[in-house]
Full PDB file with SEQRES, HELIX, SHEET, SSBOND, CRYST1, ORIGX, SCALE, CONECT and MASTER records, all heavy atoms in Angstrom:
SEQRES   1 A   31  ARG VAL ILE THR PHE ASN ILE ASP SER GLN GLU VAL MET          
SEQRES   2 A   31  THR GLU ASP ASN VAL PRO CYS SER ILE ASP GLY VAL VAL          
SEQRES   3 A   31  PHE PHE ARG ILE ASP                                          
SHEET    1 AA1 2 ILE A   3  MET A  13  0                                        
SHEET    2 AA1 2 PRO A  19  PHE A  28 -1                                        
CRYST1    1.000    1.000    1.000  90.00  90.00  90.00 P 1           1          
ORIGX1      1.000000  0.000000  0.000000        0.00000                         
ORIGX2      0.000000  1.000000  0.000000        0.00000                         
ORIGX3      0.000000  0.000000  1.000000        0.00000                         
SCALE1      1.000000  0.000000  0.000000        0.00000                         
SCALE2      0.000000  1.000000  0.000000        0.00000                         
SCALE3      0.000000  0.000000  1.000000        0.00000                         
ATOM      1  N   ARG A   1     100.661 107.131 113.690  1.00  0.00           N  
ATOM      2  CA  ARG A   1      99.419 107.505 113.015  1.00  0.00           C  
ATOM      3  C   ARG A   1      99.277 106.744 111.701  1.00  0.00           C  
ATOM      4  O   ARG A   1     100.212 106.081 111.240  1.00  0.00           O  
ATOM      5  CB  ARG A   1      99.411 109.010 112.745  1.00  0.00           C  
ATOM      6  CG  ARG A   1      99.347 109.873 113.988  1.00  0.00           C  
ATOM      7  CD  ARG A   1      99.453 111.348 113.636  1.00  0.00           C  
ATOM      8  NE  ARG A   1     100.759 111.676 113.070  1.00  0.00           N  
ATOM      9  CZ  ARG A   1     101.125 112.901 112.707  1.00  0.00           C  
ATOM     10  NH1 ARG A   1     100.264 113.911 112.841  1.00  0.00           N  
ATOM     11  NH2 ARG A   1     102.324 113.119 112.223  1.00  0.00           N  
ATOM     12  N   VAL A   2      98.100 106.849 111.092  1.00  0.00           N  
ATOM     13  CA  VAL A   2      97.885 106.220 109.789  1.00  0.00           C  
ATOM     14  C   VAL A   2      98.714 106.964 108.751  1.00  0.00           C  
ATOM     15  O   VAL A   2      98.625 108.183 108.608  1.00  0.00           O  
ATOM     16  CB  VAL A   2      96.393 106.240 109.409  1.00  0.00           C  
ATOM     17  CG1 VAL A   2      96.194 105.689 107.993  1.00  0.00           C  
ATOM     18  CG2 VAL A   2      95.583 105.419 110.405  1.00  0.00           C  
ATOM     19  N   ILE A   3      99.506 106.212 108.023  1.00  0.00           N  
ATOM     20  CA  ILE A   3     100.402 106.778 107.011  1.00  0.00           C  
ATOM     21  C   ILE A   3      99.864 106.411 105.630  1.00  0.00           C  
ATOM     22  O   ILE A   3      99.410 105.285 105.399  1.00  0.00           O  
ATOM     23  CB  ILE A   3     101.837 106.261 107.194  1.00  0.00           C  
ATOM     24  CG1 ILE A   3     102.330 106.605 108.601  1.00  0.00           C  
ATOM     25  CG2 ILE A   3     102.766 106.833 106.131  1.00  0.00           C  
ATOM     26  CD1 ILE A   3     103.670 105.985 108.937  1.00  0.00           C  
ATOM     27  N   THR A   4      99.935 107.358 104.718  1.00  0.00           N  
ATOM     28  CA  THR A   4      99.433 107.165 103.362  1.00  0.00           C  
ATOM     29  C   THR A   4     100.556 107.404 102.365  1.00  0.00           C  
ATOM     30  O   THR A   4     101.303 108.369 102.496  1.00  0.00           O  
ATOM     31  CB  THR A   4      98.283 108.138 103.064  1.00  0.00           C  
ATOM     32  OG1 THR A   4      97.260 107.978 104.053  1.00  0.00           O  
ATOM     33  CG2 THR A   4      97.679 107.857 101.700  1.00  0.00           C  
ATOM     34  N   PHE A   5     100.663 106.525 101.386  1.00  0.00           N  
ATOM     35  CA  PHE A   5     101.603 106.766 100.293  1.00  0.00           C  
ATOM     36  C   PHE A   5     101.027 106.177  99.011  1.00  0.00           C  
ATOM     37  O   PHE A   5     100.236 105.236  99.032  1.00  0.00           O  
ATOM     38  CB  PHE A   5     102.991 106.190 100.589  1.00  0.00           C  
ATOM     39  CG  PHE A   5     103.041 104.688 100.630  1.00  0.00           C  
ATOM     40  CD1 PHE A   5     103.229 103.945  99.463  1.00  0.00           C  
ATOM     41  CD2 PHE A   5     102.921 104.006 101.818  1.00  0.00           C  
ATOM     42  CE1 PHE A   5     103.277 102.568  99.502  1.00  0.00           C  
ATOM     43  CE2 PHE A   5     102.963 102.634 101.868  1.00  0.00           C  
ATOM     44  CZ  PHE A   5     103.144 101.909 100.702  1.00  0.00           C  
ATOM     45  N   ASN A   6     101.435 106.747  97.902  1.00  0.00           N  
ATOM     46  CA  ASN A   6     100.935 106.336  96.596  1.00  0.00           C  
ATOM     47  C   ASN A   6     101.749 105.163  96.051  1.00  0.00           C  
ATOM     48  O   ASN A   6     102.963 105.092  96.238  1.00  0.00           O  
ATOM     49  CB  ASN A   6     100.989 107.495  95.601  1.00  0.00           C  
ATOM     50  CG  ASN A   6     100.025 108.605  95.963  1.00  0.00           C  
ATOM     51  OD1 ASN A   6      98.924 108.353  96.460  1.00  0.00           O  
ATOM     52  ND2 ASN A   6     100.428 109.843  95.738  1.00  0.00           N  
ATOM     53  N   ILE A   7     101.046 104.273  95.364  1.00  0.00           N  
ATOM     54  CA  ILE A   7     101.702 103.211  94.600  1.00  0.00           C  
ATOM     55  C   ILE A   7     101.976 103.760  93.207  1.00  0.00           C  
ATOM     56  O   ILE A   7     101.046 104.171  92.503  1.00  0.00           O  
ATOM     57  CB  ILE A   7     100.821 101.949  94.516  1.00  0.00           C  
ATOM     58  CG1 ILE A   7     100.436 101.467  95.912  1.00  0.00           C  
ATOM     59  CG2 ILE A   7     101.539 100.854  93.762  1.00  0.00           C  
ATOM     60  CD1 ILE A   7      99.466 100.300  95.905  1.00  0.00           C  
ATOM     61  N   ASP A   8     103.229 103.798  92.817  1.00  0.00           N  
ATOM     62  CA  ASP A   8     103.576 104.331  91.504  1.00  0.00           C  
ATOM     63  C   ASP A   8     102.866 103.553  90.401  1.00  0.00           C  
ATOM     64  O   ASP A   8     102.567 102.349  90.539  1.00  0.00           O  
ATOM     65  CB  ASP A   8     105.088 104.267  91.290  1.00  0.00           C  
ATOM     66  CG  ASP A   8     105.822 105.183  92.255  1.00  0.00           C  
ATOM     67  OD1 ASP A   8     105.208 106.157  92.726  1.00  0.00           O  
ATOM     68  OD2 ASP A   8     107.006 104.903  92.549  1.00  0.00           O  
ATOM     69  N   SER A   9     102.597 104.245  89.298  1.00  0.00           N  
ATOM     70  CA  SER A   9     101.888 103.629  88.184  1.00  0.00           C  
ATOM     71  C   SER A   9     102.653 102.407  87.673  1.00  0.00           C  
ATOM     72  O   SER A   9     103.850 102.480  87.391  1.00  0.00           O  
ATOM     73  CB  SER A   9     101.703 104.650  87.062  1.00  0.00           C  
ATOM     74  OG  SER A   9     101.011 104.076  85.983  1.00  0.00           O  
ATOM     75  N   GLN A  10     101.939 101.284  87.554  1.00  0.00           N  
ATOM     76  CA  GLN A  10     102.535 100.033  87.130  1.00  0.00           C  
ATOM     77  C   GLN A  10     101.974  99.609  85.772  1.00  0.00           C  
ATOM     78  O   GLN A  10     100.756  99.648  85.551  1.00  0.00           O  
ATOM     79  CB  GLN A  10     102.252  98.928  88.158  1.00  0.00           C  
ATOM     80  CG  GLN A  10     102.744  99.238  89.563  1.00  0.00           C  
ATOM     81  CD  GLN A  10     104.238  99.344  89.638  1.00  0.00           C  
ATOM     82  OE1 GLN A  10     104.968  98.452  89.203  1.00  0.00           O  
ATOM     83  NE2 GLN A  10     104.734 100.461  90.186  1.00  0.00           N  
ATOM     84  N   GLU A  11     102.857  99.177  84.877  1.00  0.00           N  
ATOM     85  CA  GLU A  11     102.431  98.654  83.586  1.00  0.00           C  
ATOM     86  C   GLU A  11     102.003  97.203  83.771  1.00  0.00           C  
ATOM     87  O   GLU A  11     102.814  96.355  84.149  1.00  0.00           O  
ATOM     88  CB  GLU A  11     103.572  98.743  82.573  1.00  0.00           C  
ATOM     89  CG  GLU A  11     103.984 100.170  82.232  1.00  0.00           C  
ATOM     90  CD  GLU A  11     102.905 100.906  81.442  1.00  0.00           C  
ATOM     91  OE1 GLU A  11     102.089 100.230  80.780  1.00  0.00           O  
ATOM     92  OE2 GLU A  11     102.882 102.151  81.501  1.00  0.00           O  
ATOM     93  N   VAL A  12     100.738  96.939  83.515  1.00  0.00           N  
ATOM     94  CA  VAL A  12     100.160  95.616  83.759  1.00  0.00           C  
ATOM     95  C   VAL A  12      99.565  95.088  82.461  1.00  0.00           C  
ATOM     96  O   VAL A  12      98.901  95.819  81.726  1.00  0.00           O  
ATOM     97  CB  VAL A  12      99.077  95.682  84.856  1.00  0.00           C  
ATOM     98  CG1 VAL A  12      98.465  94.309  85.081  1.00  0.00           C  
ATOM     99  CG2 VAL A  12      99.660  96.217  86.152  1.00  0.00           C  
ATOM    100  N   MET A  13      99.796  93.797  82.195  1.00  0.00           N  
ATOM    101  CA  MET A  13      99.156  93.105  81.084  1.00  0.00           C  
ATOM    102  C   MET A  13      98.066  92.205  81.671  1.00  0.00           C  
ATOM    103  O   MET A  13      98.349  91.259  82.399  1.00  0.00           O  
ATOM    104  CB  MET A  13     100.170  92.262  80.308  1.00  0.00           C  
ATOM    105  CG  MET A  13      99.580  91.551  79.100  1.00  0.00           C  
ATOM    106  SD  MET A  13      99.061  92.672  77.793  1.00  0.00           S  
ATOM    107  CE  MET A  13     100.661  93.232  77.199  1.00  0.00           C  
ATOM    108  N   THR A  14      96.815  92.530  81.394  1.00  0.00           N  
ATOM    109  CA  THR A  14      95.695  91.792  81.965  1.00  0.00           C  
ATOM    110  C   THR A  14      95.589  90.388  81.354  1.00  0.00           C  
ATOM    111  O   THR A  14      96.296  90.048  80.409  1.00  0.00           O  
ATOM    112  CB  THR A  14      94.385  92.556  81.751  1.00  0.00           C  
ATOM    113  OG1 THR A  14      94.150  92.686  80.341  1.00  0.00           O  
ATOM    114  CG2 THR A  14      94.475  93.939  82.371  1.00  0.00           C  
ATOM    115  N   GLU A  15      94.679  89.607  81.895  1.00  0.00           N  
ATOM    116  CA  GLU A  15      94.507  88.230  81.426  1.00  0.00           C  
ATOM    117  C   GLU A  15      94.045  88.173  79.975  1.00  0.00           C  
ATOM    118  O   GLU A  15      94.378  87.237  79.244  1.00  0.00           O  
ATOM    119  CB  GLU A  15      93.508  87.497  82.325  1.00  0.00           C  
ATOM    120  CG  GLU A  15      93.454  85.995  82.065  1.00  0.00           C  
ATOM    121  CD  GLU A  15      92.493  85.296  83.004  1.00  0.00           C  
ATOM    122  OE1 GLU A  15      91.578  85.976  83.505  1.00  0.00           O  
ATOM    123  OE2 GLU A  15      92.653  84.088  83.241  1.00  0.00           O  
ATOM    124  N   ASP A  16      93.266  89.177  79.534  1.00  0.00           N  
ATOM    125  CA  ASP A  16      92.820  89.224  78.144  1.00  0.00           C  
ATOM    126  C   ASP A  16      93.773  90.039  77.262  1.00  0.00           C  
ATOM    127  O   ASP A  16      93.367  90.565  76.217  1.00  0.00           O  
ATOM    128  CB  ASP A  16      91.406  89.787  78.054  1.00  0.00           C  
ATOM    129  CG  ASP A  16      91.250  91.093  78.818  1.00  0.00           C  
ATOM    130  OD1 ASP A  16      92.182  91.457  79.555  1.00  0.00           O  
ATOM    131  OD2 ASP A  16      90.213  91.747  78.677  1.00  0.00           O  
ATOM    132  N   ASN A  17      95.036  90.143  77.686  1.00  0.00           N  
ATOM    133  CA  ASN A  17      96.116  90.749  76.891  1.00  0.00           C  
ATOM    134  C   ASN A  17      95.854  92.213  76.535  1.00  0.00           C  
ATOM    135  O   ASN A  17      96.053  92.643  75.395  1.00  0.00           O  
ATOM    136  CB  ASN A  17      96.347  89.942  75.607  1.00  0.00           C  
ATOM    137  CG  ASN A  17      96.787  88.516  75.889  1.00  0.00           C  
ATOM    138  OD1 ASN A  17      97.539  88.264  76.823  1.00  0.00           O  
ATOM    139  ND2 ASN A  17      96.286  87.575  75.097  1.00  0.00           N  
ATOM    140  N   VAL A  18      95.414  92.977  77.518  1.00  0.00           N  
ATOM    141  CA  VAL A  18      95.219  94.414  77.341  1.00  0.00           C  
ATOM    142  C   VAL A  18      96.245  95.132  78.214  1.00  0.00           C  
ATOM    143  O   VAL A  18      96.219  95.001  79.436  1.00  0.00           O  
ATOM    144  CB  VAL A  18      93.790  94.846  77.732  1.00  0.00           C  
ATOM    145  CG1 VAL A  18      93.638  96.359  77.590  1.00  0.00           C  
ATOM    146  CG2 VAL A  18      92.763  94.123  76.874  1.00  0.00           C  
ATOM    147  N   PRO A  19      97.163  95.925  77.623  1.00  0.00           N  
ATOM    148  CA  PRO A  19      98.132  96.671  78.442  1.00  0.00           C  
ATOM    149  C   PRO A  19      97.482  97.902  79.061  1.00  0.00           C  
ATOM    150  O   PRO A  19      96.729  98.621  78.418  1.00  0.00           O  
ATOM    151  CB  PRO A  19      99.210  97.064  77.421  1.00  0.00           C  
ATOM    152  CG  PRO A  19      98.474  97.139  76.123  1.00  0.00           C  
ATOM    153  CD  PRO A  19      97.376  96.106  76.177  1.00  0.00           C  
ATOM    154  N   CYS A  20      97.774  98.152  80.317  1.00  0.00           N  
ATOM    155  CA  CYS A  20      97.221  99.321  81.003  1.00  0.00           C  
ATOM    156  C   CYS A  20      98.157  99.734  82.132  1.00  0.00           C  
ATOM    157  O   CYS A  20      98.968  98.935  82.604  1.00  0.00           O  
ATOM    158  CB  CYS A  20      95.816  99.039  81.548  1.00  0.00           C  
ATOM    159  SG  CYS A  20      95.714  97.635  82.667  1.00  0.00           S  
ATOM    160  N   SER A  21      98.029 100.984  82.544  1.00  0.00           N  
ATOM    161  CA  SER A  21      98.821 101.522  83.649  1.00  0.00           C  
ATOM    162  C   SER A  21      97.896 101.745  84.843  1.00  0.00           C  
ATOM    163  O   SER A  21      96.886 102.434  84.720  1.00  0.00           O  
ATOM    164  CB  SER A  21      99.485 102.838  83.242  1.00  0.00           C  
ATOM    165  OG  SER A  21     100.365 102.633  82.154  1.00  0.00           O  
ATOM    166  N   ILE A  22      98.265 101.171  85.981  1.00  0.00           N  
ATOM    167  CA  ILE A  22      97.406 101.214  87.171  1.00  0.00           C  
ATOM    168  C   ILE A  22      98.224 101.741  88.345  1.00  0.00           C  
ATOM    169  O   ILE A  22      99.359 101.315  88.565  1.00  0.00           O  
ATOM    170  CB  ILE A  22      96.848  99.820  87.508  1.00  0.00           C  
ATOM    171  CG1 ILE A  22      96.131  99.218  86.303  1.00  0.00           C  
ATOM    172  CG2 ILE A  22      95.913  99.883  88.699  1.00  0.00           C  
ATOM    173  CD1 ILE A  22      95.656  97.794  86.512  1.00  0.00           C  
ATOM    174  N   ASP A  23      97.650 102.677  89.083  1.00  0.00           N  
ATOM    175  CA  ASP A  23      98.272 103.137  90.318  1.00  0.00           C  
ATOM    176  C   ASP A  23      97.255 103.067  91.445  1.00  0.00           C  
ATOM    177  O   ASP A  23      96.065 102.843  91.216  1.00  0.00           O  
ATOM    178  CB  ASP A  23      98.837 104.550  90.171  1.00  0.00           C  
ATOM    179  CG  ASP A  23      97.754 105.557  89.792  1.00  0.00           C  
ATOM    180  OD1 ASP A  23      96.585 105.179  89.767  1.00  0.00           O  
ATOM    181  OD2 ASP A  23      98.093 106.720  89.527  1.00  0.00           O  
ATOM    182  N   GLY A  24      97.735 103.250  92.660  1.00  0.00           N  
ATOM    183  CA  GLY A  24      96.846 103.126  93.820  1.00  0.00           C  
ATOM    184  C   GLY A  24      97.399 103.861  95.018  1.00  0.00           C  
ATOM    185  O   GLY A  24      98.356 104.640  94.926  1.00  0.00           O  
ATOM    186  N   VAL A  25      96.794 103.591  96.165  1.00  0.00           N  
ATOM    187  CA  VAL A  25      97.211 104.234  97.414  1.00  0.00           C  
ATOM    188  C   VAL A  25      97.074 103.212  98.547  1.00  0.00           C  
ATOM    189  O   VAL A  25      96.153 102.395  98.541  1.00  0.00           O  
ATOM    190  CB  VAL A  25      96.352 105.489  97.685  1.00  0.00           C  
ATOM    191  CG1 VAL A  25      94.881 105.135  97.801  1.00  0.00           C  
ATOM    192  CG2 VAL A  25      96.823 106.214  98.933  1.00  0.00           C  
ATOM    193  N   VAL A  26      98.009 103.270  99.490  1.00  0.00           N  
ATOM    194  CA  VAL A  26      98.045 102.341 100.628  1.00  0.00           C  
ATOM    195  C   VAL A  26      97.921 103.131 101.917  1.00  0.00           C  
ATOM    196  O   VAL A  26      98.561 104.179 102.089  1.00  0.00           O  
ATOM    197  CB  VAL A  26      99.350 101.520 100.634  1.00  0.00           C  
ATOM    198  CG1 VAL A  26      99.395 100.592 101.844  1.00  0.00           C  
ATOM    199  CG2 VAL A  26      99.482 100.713  99.356  1.00  0.00           C  
ATOM    200  N   PHE A  27      97.090 102.616 102.831  1.00  0.00           N  
ATOM    201  CA  PHE A  27      96.923 103.203 104.160  1.00  0.00           C  
ATOM    202  C   PHE A  27      97.397 102.176 105.189  1.00  0.00           C  
ATOM    203  O   PHE A  27      96.891 101.046 105.215  1.00  0.00           O  
ATOM    204  CB  PHE A  27      95.457 103.554 104.426  1.00  0.00           C  
ATOM    205  CG  PHE A  27      94.855 104.496 103.418  1.00  0.00           C  
ATOM    206  CD1 PHE A  27      94.274 104.013 102.258  1.00  0.00           C  
ATOM    207  CD2 PHE A  27      94.868 105.861 103.630  1.00  0.00           C  
ATOM    208  CE1 PHE A  27      93.715 104.871 101.330  1.00  0.00           C  
ATOM    209  CE2 PHE A  27      94.314 106.735 102.714  1.00  0.00           C  
ATOM    210  CZ  PHE A  27      93.739 106.228 101.559  1.00  0.00           C  
ATOM    211  N   PHE A  28      98.364 102.557 106.042  1.00  0.00           N  
ATOM    212  CA  PHE A  28      98.864 101.630 107.051  1.00  0.00           C  
ATOM    213  C   PHE A  28      99.262 102.405 108.302  1.00  0.00           C  
ATOM    214  O   PHE A  28      99.395 103.638 108.275  1.00  0.00           O  
ATOM    215  CB  PHE A  28     100.056 100.832 106.513  1.00  0.00           C  
ATOM    216  CG  PHE A  28     101.316 101.630 106.361  1.00  0.00           C  
ATOM    217  CD1 PHE A  28     102.277 101.647 107.365  1.00  0.00           C  
ATOM    218  CD2 PHE A  28     101.554 102.373 105.219  1.00  0.00           C  
ATOM    219  CE1 PHE A  28     103.439 102.395 107.242  1.00  0.00           C  
ATOM    220  CE2 PHE A  28     102.712 103.119 105.082  1.00  0.00           C  
ATOM    221  CZ  PHE A  28     103.654 103.128 106.100  1.00  0.00           C  
ATOM    222  N   ARG A  29      99.481 101.672 109.382  1.00  0.00           N  
ATOM    223  CA  ARG A  29      99.950 102.274 110.624  1.00  0.00           C  
ATOM    224  C   ARG A  29     100.867 101.296 111.350  1.00  0.00           C  
ATOM    225  O   ARG A  29     100.801 100.078 111.129  1.00  0.00           O  
ATOM    226  CB  ARG A  29      98.775 102.682 111.528  1.00  0.00           C  
ATOM    227  CG  ARG A  29      97.935 101.539 112.023  1.00  0.00           C  
ATOM    228  CD  ARG A  29      96.800 102.030 112.902  1.00  0.00           C  
ATOM    229  NE  ARG A  29      95.955 100.940 113.372  1.00  0.00           N  
ATOM    230  CZ  ARG A  29      96.206 100.225 114.471  1.00  0.00           C  
ATOM    231  NH1 ARG A  29      97.279 100.496 115.217  1.00  0.00           N  
ATOM    232  NH2 ARG A  29      95.399  99.250 114.830  1.00  0.00           N  
ATOM    233  N   ILE A  30     101.696 101.847 112.234  1.00  0.00           N  
ATOM    234  CA  ILE A  30     102.649 101.042 112.990  1.00  0.00           C  
ATOM    235  C   ILE A  30     101.974 100.564 114.276  1.00  0.00           C  
ATOM    236  O   ILE A  30     101.557 101.377 115.106  1.00  0.00           O  
ATOM    237  CB  ILE A  30     103.916 101.856 113.334  1.00  0.00           C  
ATOM    238  CG1 ILE A  30     104.534 102.445 112.068  1.00  0.00           C  
ATOM    239  CG2 ILE A  30     104.911 100.987 114.063  1.00  0.00           C  
ATOM    240  CD1 ILE A  30     104.979 101.431 111.070  1.00  0.00           C  
ATOM    241  N   ASP A  31     101.843  99.262 114.427  1.00  0.00           N  
ATOM    242  CA  ASP A  31     101.243  98.696 115.632  1.00  0.00           C  
ATOM    243  C   ASP A  31     102.304  98.335 116.668  1.00  0.00           C  
ATOM    244  O   ASP A  31     102.079  98.431 117.865  1.00  0.00           O  
ATOM    245  CB  ASP A  31     100.422  97.460 115.268  1.00  0.00           C  
ATOM    246  CG  ASP A  31      99.715  96.860 116.462  1.00  0.00           C  
ATOM    247  OD1 ASP A  31      98.906  97.577 117.091  1.00  0.00           O  
ATOM    248  OD2 ASP A  31      99.981  95.681 116.784  1.00  0.00           O  
TER     249      ASP A  31                                                      
MASTER        0    0    0    0    2    0    0    6  248    1    0    3          
END                                                                             
């Protein structure tokens, strides 16, 4: 089935030198 898991918050420095924390979610399945 489609499996969902969270991407842990990542500390990212953007191109314009702004630090921020970004997280997300991934949806995948086994083919």
